[in-house]
Each structure stands twice: as C-alpha cells, then as structure tokens.
C-alpha cells in the first residue's frame, strides 16, 4: 500500500495541474491586444535589429576601445 502512495500523489498533481492552468488562461482581452501589438512591433524591427548587429560586429575594435561602435549607436539614437 505504501508503494502506491507516491504514484497516487503524482497522478493527483498531474490531473489537477491542467485544470488550474486552464483557469489562469482566461486573460483580459485588452491584455491580449497589447501582447499582439508588442509582437508586431518586435517583428517589424527584426530586419533593422539584424542590420545593427551586423554593423556593430563588423567594426572589430581592439581593447574595448569602441569608438566606431559608439559613434554608430549615437547616430542611431
């Protein structure tokens, strides 16, 4: 009998967890809209971000004297 207690405990936790997750899944529609907008904004800037990364890593400055990198980033801001 004692051998089955851990198995029953694991089974109970496994069955209760999805039900609790479903209750928390109901979110505010306005929050979902904000999340969609944030995802769209991030995806819209994906190409610019990749170009910035490529440009920054192309400088290859030595000894952490990142003069060109600083100039490039200040120009973007």
C-alpha atoms as a PDB file:
ATOM      1  CA  UNK A   1       0.000   0.000   0.000  1.00  0.00           C
ATOM      2  CA  UNK A   2       2.776   2.472   0.881  1.00  0.00           C
ATOM      3  CA  UNK A   3       4.297   1.775  -2.505  1.00  0.00           C
ATOM      4  CA  UNK A   4       1.281   3.240  -4.273  1.00  0.00           C
ATOM      5  CA  UNK A   5       1.093   6.493  -2.284  1.00  0.00           C
ATOM      6  CA  UNK A   6       3.779   8.307  -4.324  1.00  0.00           C
ATOM      7  CA  UNK A   7       2.158   7.091  -7.535  1.00  0.00           C
ATOM      8  CA  UNK A   8      -1.240   8.350  -6.428  1.00  0.00           C
ATOM      9  CA  UNK A   9       0.263  11.672  -5.388  1.00  0.00           C
ATOM     10  CA  UNK A  10       1.935  12.125  -8.767  1.00  0.00           C
ATOM     11  CA  UNK A  11      -1.289  11.180 -10.555  1.00  0.00           C
ATOM     12  CA  UNK A  12      -3.290  13.678  -8.497  1.00  0.00           C
ATOM     13  CA  UNK A  13      -0.843  16.504  -9.198  1.00  0.00           C
ATOM     14  CA  UNK A  14      -0.788  15.631 -12.898  1.00  0.00           C
ATOM     15  CA  UNK A  15      -4.568  15.721 -13.136  1.00  0.00           C
ATOM     16  CA  UNK A  16      -5.040  18.930 -11.133  1.00  0.00           C
ATOM     17  CA  UNK A  17      -2.336  20.995 -12.856  1.00  0.00           C
ATOM     18  CA  UNK A  18      -4.028  21.279 -16.299  1.00  0.00           C
ATOM     19  CA  UNK A  19      -7.295  22.371 -14.688  1.00  0.00           C
ATOM     20  CA  UNK A  20      -5.516  25.121 -12.766  1.00  0.00           C
ATOM     21  CA  UNK A  21      -3.683  26.216 -15.912  1.00  0.00           C
ATOM     22  CA  UNK A  22      -6.943  26.489 -17.839  1.00  0.00           C
ATOM     23  CA  UNK A  23      -8.439  28.739 -15.191  1.00  0.00           C
ATOM     24  CA  UNK A  24      -5.480  31.101 -15.435  1.00  0.00           C
ATOM     25  CA  UNK A  25      -5.609  31.020 -19.248  1.00  0.00           C
ATOM     26  CA  UNK A  26      -8.603  33.344 -19.286  1.00  0.00           C
ATOM     27  CA  UNK A  27      -6.941  36.715 -19.638  1.00  0.00           C
ATOM     28  CA  UNK A  28      -8.149  40.197 -20.253  1.00  0.00           C
ATOM     29  CA  UNK A  29      -8.896  40.835 -23.977  1.00  0.00           C
ATOM     30  CA  UNK A  30      -7.176  44.207 -23.722  1.00  0.00           C
ATOM     31  CA  UNK A  31      -4.039  42.466 -22.451  1.00  0.00           C
ATOM     32  CA  UNK A  32      -4.159  40.090 -25.417  1.00  0.00           C
ATOM     33  CA  UNK A  33      -4.402  43.095 -27.745  1.00  0.00           C
ATOM     34  CA  UNK A  34      -1.338  44.683 -26.130  1.00  0.00           C
ATOM     35  CA  UNK A  35       0.558  41.415 -26.495  1.00  0.00           C
ATOM     36  CA  UNK A  36      -0.318  41.196 -30.200  1.00  0.00           C
ATOM     37  CA  UNK A  37       0.778  44.809 -30.730  1.00  0.00           C
ATOM     38  CA  UNK A  38       4.064  44.174 -28.930  1.00  0.00           C
ATOM     39  CA  UNK A  39       4.747  41.103 -31.061  1.00  0.00           C
ATOM     40  CA  UNK A  40       4.011  43.072 -34.239  1.00  0.00           C
ATOM     41  CA  UNK A  41       6.355  45.885 -33.154  1.00  0.00           C
ATOM     42  CA  UNK A  42       9.177  43.452 -32.415  1.00  0.00           C
ATOM     43  CA  UNK A  43       8.708  41.636 -35.716  1.00  0.00           C
ATOM     44  CA  UNK A  44       8.620  44.946 -37.606  1.00  0.00           C
ATOM     45  CA  UNK A  45      12.042  45.848 -36.208  1.00  0.00           C
ATOM     46  CA  UNK A  46      13.642  42.439 -36.825  1.00  0.00           C
ATOM     47  CA  UNK A  47      15.430  43.451 -40.030  1.00  0.00           C
ATOM     48  CA  UNK A  48      16.719  46.723 -38.545  1.00  0.00           C
ATOM     49  CA  UNK A  49      17.976  44.859 -35.488  1.00  0.00           C
ATOM     50  CA  UNK A  50      19.845  42.339 -37.641  1.00  0.00           C
ATOM     51  CA  UNK A  51      21.447  45.141 -39.665  1.00  0.00           C
ATOM     52  CA  UNK A  52      22.535  46.877 -36.461  1.00  0.00           C
ATOM     53  CA  UNK A  53      24.073  43.679 -35.084  1.00  0.00           C
ATOM     54  CA  UNK A  54      25.916  43.025 -38.348  1.00  0.00           C
ATOM     55  CA  UNK A  55      27.241  46.584 -38.441  1.00  0.00           C
ATOM     56  CA  UNK A  56      28.393  46.580 -34.812  1.00  0.00           C
ATOM     57  CA  UNK A  57      30.220  43.267 -35.116  1.00  0.00           C
ATOM     58  CA  UNK A  58      31.848  44.336 -38.380  1.00  0.00           C
ATOM     59  CA  UNK A  59      33.900  47.031 -36.627  1.00  0.00           C
ATOM     60  CA  UNK A  60      36.115  44.592 -34.711  1.00  0.00           C
ATOM     61  CA  UNK A  61      37.711  47.180 -32.430  1.00  0.00           C
ATOM     62  CA  UNK A  62      40.501  46.078 -30.145  1.00  0.00           C
ATOM     63  CA  UNK A  63      40.928  46.512 -26.413  1.00  0.00           C
ATOM     64  CA  UNK A  64      37.356  47.612 -25.755  1.00  0.00           C
ATOM     65  CA  UNK A  65      38.103  50.975 -27.393  1.00  0.00           C
ATOM     66  CA  UNK A  66      34.826  51.040 -29.225  1.00  0.00           C
ATOM     67  CA  UNK A  67      34.986  54.430 -30.887  1.00  0.00           C
ATOM     68  CA  UNK A  68      33.305  53.413 -34.151  1.00  0.00           C
ATOM     69  CA  UNK A  69      30.648  51.395 -32.328  1.00  0.00           C
ATOM     70  CA  UNK A  70      29.841  54.331 -30.049  1.00  0.00           C
ATOM     71  CA  UNK A  71      29.662  56.724 -32.989  1.00  0.00           C
ATOM     72  CA  UNK A  72      27.329  54.360 -34.873  1.00  0.00           C
ATOM     73  CA  UNK A  73      24.990  53.843 -31.908  1.00  0.00           C
ATOM     74  CA  UNK A  74      24.849  57.560 -31.068  1.00  0.00           C
ATOM     75  CA  UNK A  75      23.955  58.224 -34.697  1.00  0.00           C
ATOM     76  CA  UNK A  76      21.061  55.771 -34.460  1.00  0.00           C
ATOM     77  CA  UNK A  77      19.713  57.356 -31.298  1.00  0.00           C
END
